Each structure stands twice: as C-alpha cells, then as structure tokens.
C-alpha atoms as a PDB file:
ATOM      1  CA  MET A   1      -3.974 -10.502   0.058  1.00  0.00           C
ATOM      2  CA  ASP A   2      -3.381 -11.816   3.602  1.00  0.00           C
ATOM      3  CA  LYS A   3      -2.932  -8.359   5.064  1.00  0.00           C
ATOM      4  CA  LEU A   4      -5.860  -6.796   3.230  1.00  0.00           C
ATOM      5  CA  THR A   5      -8.858  -6.214   5.428  1.00  0.00           C
ATOM      6  CA  LYS A   6     -12.150  -7.862   4.568  1.00  0.00           C
ATOM      7  CA  VAL A   7     -15.003  -5.368   4.313  1.00  0.00           C
ATOM      8  CA  SER A   8     -18.756  -5.314   3.826  1.00  0.00           C
ATOM      9  CA  ILE A   9     -20.293  -4.428   0.469  1.00  0.00           C
ATOM     10  CA  PHE A  10     -20.062  -0.697   1.220  1.00  0.00           C
ATOM     11  CA  PRO A  11     -18.209   1.331   0.225  1.00  0.00           C
ATOM     12  CA  LEU A  12     -18.359  -0.080  -3.295  1.00  0.00           C
ATOM     13  CA  ILE A  13     -14.977   1.406  -4.230  1.00  0.00           C
ATOM     14  CA  ARG A  14     -13.326  -0.826  -1.641  1.00  0.00           C
ATOM     15  CA  GLN A  15     -14.705  -3.875  -3.430  1.00  0.00           C
ATOM     16  CA  VAL A  16     -12.775  -2.729  -6.505  1.00  0.00           C
ATOM     17  CA  SER A  17      -9.563  -1.682  -4.758  1.00  0.00           C
ATOM     18  CA  LEU A  18      -9.296  -4.948  -2.816  1.00  0.00           C
ATOM     19  CA  ARG A  19      -9.087  -6.739  -6.161  1.00  0.00           C
ATOM     20  CA  VAL A  20      -6.604  -4.303  -7.686  1.00  0.00           C
ATOM     21  CA  SER A  21      -4.272  -3.977  -4.683  1.00  0.00           C
ATOM     22  CA  PRO A  22      -2.951  -7.583  -4.828  1.00  0.00           C
ATOM     23  CA  LEU A  23      -1.788  -6.877  -8.393  1.00  0.00           C
ATOM     24  CA  ILE A  24      -0.042  -3.652  -7.354  1.00  0.00           C
ATOM     25  CA  ILE A  25       1.572  -5.333  -4.340  1.00  0.00           C
ATOM     26  CA  ARG A  26       3.440  -7.660  -6.720  1.00  0.00           C
ATOM     27  CA  LEU A  27       4.977  -4.671  -8.505  1.00  0.00           C
ATOM     28  CA  PRO A  28       8.202  -2.945  -7.349  1.00  0.00           C
ATOM     29  CA  VAL A  29       6.359   0.236  -6.383  1.00  0.00           C
ATOM     30  CA  SER A  30       5.865   1.924  -3.027  1.00  0.00           C
ATOM     31  CA  ALA A  31       2.598   3.090  -1.502  1.00  0.00           C
ATOM     32  CA  ASN A  32       3.632   6.721  -2.016  1.00  0.00           C
ATOM     33  CA  GLN A  33       4.259   6.030  -5.697  1.00  0.00           C
ATOM     34  CA  VAL A  34       0.714   4.679  -5.933  1.00  0.00           C
ATOM     35  CA  THR A  35      -0.485   7.920  -4.333  1.00  0.00           C
ATOM     36  CA  THR A  36       1.473   9.928  -6.905  1.00  0.00           C
ATOM     37  CA  THR A  37      -0.083   7.896  -9.717  1.00  0.00           C
ATOM     38  CA  SER A  38      -3.519   8.596  -8.272  1.00  0.00           C
ATOM     39  CA  LEU A  39      -2.663  12.316  -8.285  1.00  0.00           C
ATOM     40  CA  LEU A  40      -1.790  12.132 -11.990  1.00  0.00           C
ATOM     41  CA  ALA A  41      -5.101  10.396 -12.723  1.00  0.00           C
ATOM     42  CA  GLY A  42      -6.961  13.030 -10.695  1.00  0.00           C
ATOM     43  CA  VAL A  43      -5.248  15.936 -12.443  1.00  0.00           C
ATOM     44  CA  GLY A  44      -6.002  14.276 -15.783  1.00  0.00           C
ATOM     45  CA  ALA A  45      -9.656  14.039 -14.771  1.00  0.00           C
ATOM     46  CA  CYS A  46      -9.707  17.761 -14.001  1.00  0.00           C
ATOM     47  CA  TRP A  47      -8.128  18.552 -17.370  1.00  0.00           C
ATOM     48  CA  TYR A  48     -10.828  16.704 -19.289  1.00  0.00           C
ATOM     49  CA  LEU A  49     -13.678  18.011 -17.130  1.00  0.00           C
ATOM     50  CA  ALA A  50     -12.582  21.582 -17.854  1.00  0.00           C
ATOM     51  CA  LYS A  51     -13.244  21.060 -21.568  1.00  0.00           C
ATOM     52  CA  GLY A  52     -16.975  20.708 -20.913  1.00  0.00           C
ATOM     53  CA  THR A  53     -18.124  18.413 -23.740  1.00  0.00           C
ATOM     54  CA  TYR A  54     -19.984  15.146 -23.183  1.00  0.00           C
ATOM     55  CA  GLU A  55     -17.052  13.041 -24.382  1.00  0.00           C
ATOM     56  CA  THR A  56     -14.409  14.846 -22.333  1.00  0.00           C
ATOM     57  CA  THR A  57     -16.615  14.885 -19.236  1.00  0.00           C
ATOM     58  CA  LEU A  58     -17.121  11.134 -19.524  1.00  0.00           C
ATOM     59  CA  THR A  59     -13.362  10.655 -19.972  1.00  0.00           C
ATOM     60  CA  GLY A  60     -12.777  12.835 -16.926  1.00  0.00           C
ATOM     61  CA  ALA A  61     -15.264  10.775 -14.909  1.00  0.00           C
ATOM     62  CA  LEU A  62     -13.443   7.559 -15.844  1.00  0.00           C
ATOM     63  CA  LEU A  63     -10.085   9.048 -14.826  1.00  0.00           C
ATOM     64  CA  PHE A  64     -11.719  10.228 -11.602  1.00  0.00           C
ATOM     65  CA  LEU A  65     -12.802   6.625 -10.971  1.00  0.00           C
ATOM     66  CA  ILE A  66      -9.206   5.451 -11.527  1.00  0.00           C
ATOM     67  CA  TYR A  67      -8.036   8.104  -9.067  1.00  0.00           C
ATOM     68  CA  TYR A  68     -10.478   6.782  -6.458  1.00  0.00           C
ATOM     69  CA  ILE A  69      -9.384   3.184  -6.980  1.00  0.00           C
ATOM     70  CA  LEU A  70      -5.710   4.065  -6.568  1.00  0.00           C
ATOM     71  CA  ASP A  71      -6.512   6.347  -3.636  1.00  0.00           C
ATOM     72  CA  ASN A  72      -7.889   3.303  -1.828  1.00  0.00           C
ATOM     73  CA  CYS A  73      -5.107   1.035  -3.053  1.00  0.00           C
ATOM     74  CA  ASP A  74      -2.282   3.161  -1.644  1.00  0.00           C
ATOM     75  CA  GLY A  75      -3.358   2.527   1.938  1.00  0.00           C
ATOM     76  CA  GLU A  76      -3.882  -1.173   1.286  1.00  0.00           C
ATOM     77  CA  VAL A  77      -0.442  -1.404  -0.337  1.00  0.00           C
ATOM     78  CA  ALA A  78       1.115   0.525   2.570  1.00  0.00           C
ATOM     79  CA  ARG A  79      -0.331  -1.898   5.118  1.00  0.00           C
ATOM     80  CA  ALA A  80       0.602  -4.973   3.096  1.00  0.00           C
ATOM     81  CA  LYS A  81       4.197  -3.776   2.566  1.00  0.00           C
ATOM     82  CA  ASN A  82       4.589  -2.256   6.038  1.00  0.00           C
ATOM     83  CA  GLN A  83       5.085   1.184   4.491  1.00  0.00           C
ATOM     84  CA  SER A  84       2.562   3.111   6.590  1.00  0.00           C
ATOM     85  CA  SER A  85       3.975   6.459   7.712  1.00  0.00           C
ATOM     86  CA  GLU A  86       2.883   9.875   8.917  1.00  0.00           C
ATOM     87  CA  PHE A  87       4.269  11.395   5.713  1.00  0.00           C
ATOM     88  CA  GLY A  88       2.256   8.950   3.612  1.00  0.00           C
ATOM     89  CA  GLU A  89      -0.926   9.839   5.489  1.00  0.00           C
ATOM     90  CA  LYS A  90      -0.342  13.584   5.061  1.00  0.00           C
ATOM     91  CA  TYR A  91       0.623  13.160   1.401  1.00  0.00           C
ATOM     92  CA  ASP A  92      -2.541  11.162   0.743  1.00  0.00           C
ATOM     93  CA  THR A  93      -4.670  13.832   2.432  1.00  0.00           C
ATOM     94  CA  PHE A  94      -2.929  16.560   0.404  1.00  0.00           C
ATOM     95  CA  VAL A  95      -3.621  14.721  -2.849  1.00  0.00           C
ATOM     96  CA  ASP A  96      -7.274  14.269  -1.859  1.00  0.00           C
ATOM     97  CA  TRP A  97      -7.570  18.020  -1.381  1.00  0.00           C
ATOM     98  CA  VAL A  98      -5.834  18.939  -4.645  1.00  0.00           C
ATOM     99  CA  VAL A  99      -7.931  16.553  -6.731  1.00  0.00           C
ATOM    100  CA  HIS A 100     -11.307  17.338  -5.162  1.00  0.00           C
ATOM    101  CA  ALA A 101     -10.798  21.107  -5.152  1.00  0.00           C
ATOM    102  CA  GLY A 102      -9.589  20.852  -8.741  1.00  0.00           C
ATOM    103  CA  PHE A 103     -12.540  18.628  -9.630  1.00  0.00           C
ATOM    104  CA  PHE A 104     -15.183  21.173  -8.637  1.00  0.00           C
ATOM    105  CA  GLY A 105     -13.292  24.116 -10.092  1.00  0.00           C
ATOM    106  CA  SER A 106     -12.701  22.307 -13.399  1.00  0.00           C
ATOM    107  CA  LEU A 107     -16.264  21.019 -13.611  1.00  0.00           C
ATOM    108  CA  GLY A 108     -17.570  24.538 -13.021  1.00  0.00           C
ATOM    109  CA  TRP A 109     -15.256  25.920 -15.710  1.00  0.00           C
ATOM    110  CA  GLY A 110     -16.301  23.246 -18.191  1.00  0.00           C
ATOM    111  CA  VAL A 111     -20.037  23.734 -17.673  1.00  0.00           C
ATOM    112  CA  ALA A 112     -19.598  27.527 -17.847  1.00  0.00           C
ATOM    113  CA  GLN A 113     -17.743  27.192 -21.166  1.00  0.00           C
ATOM    114  CA  GLU A 114     -20.421  24.879 -22.544  1.00  0.00           C
ATOM    115  CA  THR A 115     -23.393  27.005 -21.455  1.00  0.00           C
ATOM    116  CA  GLY A 116     -21.884  30.485 -21.576  1.00  0.00           C
ATOM    117  CA  GLN A 117     -23.122  31.122 -18.019  1.00  0.00           C
ATOM    118  CA  ASN A 118     -20.458  32.079 -15.474  1.00  0.00           C
ATOM    119  CA  ILE A 119     -22.684  31.163 -12.530  1.00  0.00           C
ATOM    120  CA  TRP A 120     -21.548  27.547 -12.983  1.00  0.00           C
ATOM    121  CA  LEU A 121     -17.912  28.557 -12.568  1.00  0.00           C
ATOM    122  CA  TRP A 122     -18.724  30.435  -9.363  1.00  0.00           C
ATOM    123  CA  LEU A 123     -20.638  27.444  -8.011  1.00  0.00           C
ATOM    124  CA  GLY A 124     -17.642  25.228  -8.795  1.00  0.00           C
ATOM    125  CA  LEU A 125     -15.235  27.630  -7.120  1.00  0.00           C
ATOM    126  CA  PHE A 126     -17.494  27.827  -4.069  1.00  0.00           C
ATOM    127  CA  GLY A 127     -17.466  24.029  -3.864  1.00  0.00           C
ATOM    128  CA  ALA A 128     -13.675  24.025  -4.237  1.00  0.00           C
ATOM    129  CA  ALA A 129     -13.459  26.613  -1.459  1.00  0.00           C
ATOM    130  CA  GLY A 130     -15.480  24.301   0.792  1.00  0.00           C
ATOM    131  CA  GLY A 131     -13.052  21.478   0.083  1.00  0.00           C
ATOM    132  CA  SER A 132     -10.117  23.768   0.847  1.00  0.00           C
ATOM    133  CA  ILE A 133     -11.661  24.891   4.138  1.00  0.00           C
ATOM    134  CA  ASN A 134     -12.211  21.228   5.028  1.00  0.00           C
ATOM    135  CA  TYR A 135      -8.535  20.457   4.350  1.00  0.00           C
ATOM    136  CA  LEU A 136      -7.217  23.430   6.327  1.00  0.00           C
ATOM    137  CA  THR A 137      -9.668  22.813   9.165  1.00  0.00           C
ATOM    138  CA  GLY A 138      -8.491  19.214   9.362  1.00  0.00           C
ATOM    139  CA  ILE A 139      -4.866  20.350   9.593  1.00  0.00           C
ATOM    140  CA  TYR A 140      -5.760  22.805  12.367  1.00  0.00           C
ATOM    141  CA  ILE A 141      -7.740  20.216  14.365  1.00  0.00           C
ATOM    142  CA  ASP A 142      -4.912  17.681  13.994  1.00  0.00           C
ATOM    143  CA  PHE A 143      -2.397  20.283  15.173  1.00  0.00           C
ATOM    144  CA  ARG A 144      -4.426  21.161  18.262  1.00  0.00           C
ATOM    145  CA  PHE A 145      -5.035  17.535  19.235  1.00  0.00           C
ATOM    146  CA  ARG A 146      -1.400  16.630  18.603  1.00  0.00           C
ATOM    147  CA  GLN A 147      -0.317  19.465  20.881  1.00  0.00           C
ATOM    148  CA  HIS A 148      -2.580  18.131  23.611  1.00  0.00           C
ATOM    149  CA  LEU A 149      -2.065  14.370  23.194  1.00  0.00           C
ATOM    150  CA  GLY A 150       1.406  14.191  21.657  1.00  0.00           C
ATOM    151  CA  GLU A 151       2.360  10.829  20.145  1.00  0.00           C
ATOM    152  CA  GLU A 152      -0.839   9.226  21.463  1.00  0.00           C
ATOM    153  CA  TYR A 153      -2.910  11.177  18.955  1.00  0.00           C
ATOM    154  CA  ASP A 154      -4.148   9.342  15.863  1.00  0.00           C
ATOM    155  CA  SER A 155      -5.767  11.634  13.297  1.00  0.00           C
ATOM    156  CA  THR A 156      -7.696   8.737  11.739  1.00  0.00           C
ATOM    157  CA  GLY A 157      -9.393   7.792  14.995  1.00  0.00           C
ATOM    158  CA  ARG A 158      -8.536   4.137  14.355  1.00  0.00           C
ATOM    159  CA  SER A 159      -6.149   3.638  17.256  1.00  0.00           C
ATOM    160  CA  HIS A 160      -8.844   4.493  19.780  1.00  0.00           C
ATOM    161  CA  HIS A 161     -11.064   1.581  18.747  1.00  0.00           C
ATOM    162  CA  ASP A 162     -10.421  -2.095  18.050  1.00  0.00           C
ATOM    163  CA  GLU A 163     -13.118  -1.748  15.404  1.00  0.00           C
ATOM    164  CA  ALA A 164     -14.778   1.283  13.879  1.00  0.00           C
ATOM    165  CA  PRO A 165     -17.649   2.370  16.147  1.00  0.00           C
ATOM    166  CA  ALA A 166     -21.130   1.849  14.745  1.00  0.00           C
ATOM    167  CA  PRO A 167     -23.162   5.046  14.399  1.00  0.00           C
ATOM    168  CA  LYS A 168     -26.188   5.333  16.672  1.00  0.00           C
ATOM    169  CA  GLY A 169     -29.112   7.670  16.287  1.00  0.00           C
ATOM    170  CA  VAL A 170     -30.158   9.948  13.443  1.00  0.00           C
ATOM    171  CA  LYS A 171     -27.357  12.507  13.910  1.00  0.00           C
ATOM    172  CA  GLN A 172     -24.557   9.941  13.961  1.00  0.00           C
ATOM    173  CA  TRP A 173     -25.961   8.091  10.950  1.00  0.00           C
ATOM    174  CA  THR A 174     -26.306  11.357   9.037  1.00  0.00           C
ATOM    175  CA  VAL A 175     -22.679  12.250   9.769  1.00  0.00           C
ATOM    176  CA  PHE A 176     -21.514   8.736   8.861  1.00  0.00           C
ATOM    177  CA  ILE A 177     -23.374   8.694   5.530  1.00  0.00           C
ATOM    178  CA  LEU A 178     -22.223  12.204   4.593  1.00  0.00           C
ATOM    179  CA  ARG A 179     -18.599  12.000   5.749  1.00  0.00           C
ATOM    180  CA  GLU A 180     -17.882   8.377   4.872  1.00  0.00           C
ATOM    181  CA  LEU A 181     -20.242   6.509   2.528  1.00  0.00           C
ATOM    182  CA  LEU A 182     -21.112   9.311   0.085  1.00  0.00           C
ATOM    183  CA  ARG A 183     -17.526  10.555   0.068  1.00  0.00           C
ATOM    184  CA  ALA A 184     -16.079   7.077  -0.428  1.00  0.00           C
ATOM    185  CA  ASP A 185     -18.324   6.250  -3.411  1.00  0.00           C
ATOM    186  CA  PHE A 186     -18.516   9.768  -4.854  1.00  0.00           C
ATOM    187  CA  CYS A 187     -16.705   8.617  -8.010  1.00  0.00           C
ATOM    188  CA  PHE A 188     -19.622   6.342  -8.927  1.00  0.00           C
ATOM    189  CA  ILE A 189     -22.071   9.211  -8.531  1.00  0.00           C
ATOM    190  CA  VAL A 190     -19.898  11.293 -10.871  1.00  0.00           C
ATOM    191  CA  LEU A 191     -19.693   8.496 -13.452  1.00  0.00           C
ATOM    192  CA  PHE A 192     -23.453   7.897 -13.340  1.00  0.00           C
ATOM    193  CA  LEU A 193     -24.214  11.591 -13.866  1.00  0.00           C
ATOM    194  CA  ALA A 194     -21.600  11.844 -16.635  1.00  0.00           C
ATOM    195  CA  LEU A 195     -23.253   9.004 -18.551  1.00  0.00           C
ATOM    196  CA  PHE A 196     -26.464  11.044 -18.677  1.00  0.00           C
ATOM    197  CA  ASP A 197     -24.660  14.367 -19.230  1.00  0.00           C
ATOM    198  CA  VAL A 198     -25.967  15.924 -16.003  1.00  0.00           C
ATOM    199  CA  THR A 199     -22.775  16.438 -13.978  1.00  0.00           C
ATOM    200  CA  TRP A 200     -23.822  20.094 -13.667  1.00  0.00           C
ATOM    201  CA  PHE A 201     -26.141  18.867 -10.893  1.00  0.00           C
ATOM    202  CA  LEU A 202     -23.079  18.434  -8.671  1.00  0.00           C
ATOM    203  CA  LEU A 203     -22.208  22.137  -8.760  1.00  0.00           C
ATOM    204  CA  PRO A 204     -25.096  23.653  -6.766  1.00  0.00           C
ATOM    205  CA  THR A 205     -25.075  20.556  -4.562  1.00  0.00           C
ATOM    206  CA  ALA A 206     -21.359  20.942  -3.788  1.00  0.00           C
ATOM    207  CA  ALA A 207     -21.646  24.703  -3.334  1.00  0.00           C
ATOM    208  CA  VAL A 208     -23.724  23.926  -0.245  1.00  0.00           C
ATOM    209  CA  GLY A 209     -22.661  20.364   0.594  1.00  0.00           C
ATOM    210  CA  ALA A 210     -18.910  21.025   0.654  1.00  0.00           C
ATOM    211  CA  HIS A 211     -19.419  23.611   3.373  1.00  0.00           C
ATOM    212  CA  VAL A 212     -21.771  21.392   5.357  1.00  0.00           C
ATOM    213  CA  TYR A 213     -19.096  18.683   5.069  1.00  0.00           C
ATOM    214  CA  TRP A 214     -16.310  20.706   6.693  1.00  0.00           C
ATOM    215  CA  MET A 215     -18.651  21.876   9.432  1.00  0.00           C
ATOM    216  CA  THR A 216     -19.315  18.264  10.441  1.00  0.00           C
ATOM    217  CA  GLN A 217     -15.686  18.011  11.579  1.00  0.00           C
ATOM    218  CA  PHE A 218     -16.758  19.898  14.691  1.00  0.00           C
ATOM    219  CA  ILE A 219     -19.378  17.311  15.636  1.00  0.00           C
ATOM    220  CA  ARG A 220     -18.075  15.204  18.507  1.00  0.00           C
ATOM    221  CA  GLY A 221     -16.920  11.776  17.319  1.00  0.00           C
ATOM    222  CA  ALA A 222     -17.331  12.581  13.610  1.00  0.00           C
ATOM    223  CA  ARG A 223     -13.737  11.528  12.856  1.00  0.00           C
ATOM    224  CA  ASP A 224     -14.080   8.206  14.656  1.00  0.00           C
ATOM    225  CA  TYR A 225     -16.048   6.688  11.786  1.00  0.00           C
ATOM    226  CA  HIS A 226     -14.163   5.188   8.881  1.00  0.00           C
ATOM    227  CA  VAL A 227     -14.855   2.766   6.049  1.00  0.00           C
END
C-alpha cells in the first residue's frame, strides 16, 4: 500500500480500487494480467447486457463494475510492482475502447430485443461509434505530439505537472467533469440505472455525449486533467 497514491473522495471507484489493489499486489500476477482479467469482465458484461432482460442487465452492470475496479487496479499494481510500460498503457487504452464500444452496442441490442424497436440498437451503435472515434482520435493526437516532442511526450499529461492542475473557470470545470469524473464513475451510474431497469436512458444520452466527449480532446489542456 506504500506506493499507492492517496486520493480525495472522488472518483468513488478509486476508493474501491485502492482497497482491492493491495490484495492483488500480493498475488503472483502482473499488471497486464490484471488488465486482461478486466477485459474478460467487460466482455462478460456486454454478453449479459445484450440479452436485454432485467436480471441479465443487472448481472451485466455488476460485471461492468468489476471491470471498472480492475481497470483502476491495473495501474495501481503496475506502479507498486514497477511494471509501468508504454505497452501496458496502450493495452489498457485498447481494452477501455473495446469494453465501452461493446457496452453501448450490446446495451442497444438488448433494449432493441426487449422492446422490438430497432432505434435503440442504432442509438447504441452511434454511441459505440463515438467511443471508437475518441479512441482513434487519441491515437492520432498521441502520434502527432510524439513526432514533435519525441521521448519527452507523455500522453497522460502527468509528467508535465508535479500535481494534476486544478480546473479554473466554467469551461475547464465542464471539461474536467465530463472527461474525468463522469467517466471515472460511469459504472456506478450504470448500476444505479440497472437497479431501476432504466439503462435505456444511457442510449440517447451516449448517442450525443460520446461524440461531445471525443470533441473535447481538441480543447487546449483537456488531457492535462486526471483523477
């Protein structure tokens, strides 16, 4: 636990992962293996969400929560075991894309099957497309900056600051809340909606929000914030 960073109450998922990571650190597993396990949990979540019933959606939401916990744990394990690497960072980002794109597509499929209305599938696919554009845009931006800065470039923005910069003003706070806080604790939103059988609400929201999200990458300093 010595090498695990102390954090404020938000994001809530970090409060969970900081208690799980010390247990994982004692196991003979690498950070990348934790990432792979999170991928399996995420794919399992998508499988259950695609079935569309209340019970399977709730099961999918719980697996999605496990994915989020492990997704936070892999970085904490990497830092504690000195296993941080460029491959690990890219692998983690790839898994995030696969799971989130799959999440919206599977949720849309499940709701469409349950209601008989294909509009829900299209909304889910549009949300998944937004997540895919965000992933590819991030790769492109990283490539351009790496060409310009070489080894000095840090895609996380962490190396440029001793501490994460505090957002100032309405625009910076809006970007911070959208890109960091809501994203980090998205699993709890999903679980809450699943309990009340209203996860369909995420589909029209994501159909717009996922595209707003990738556009914020072009706001100056947006990638400097992290939680």
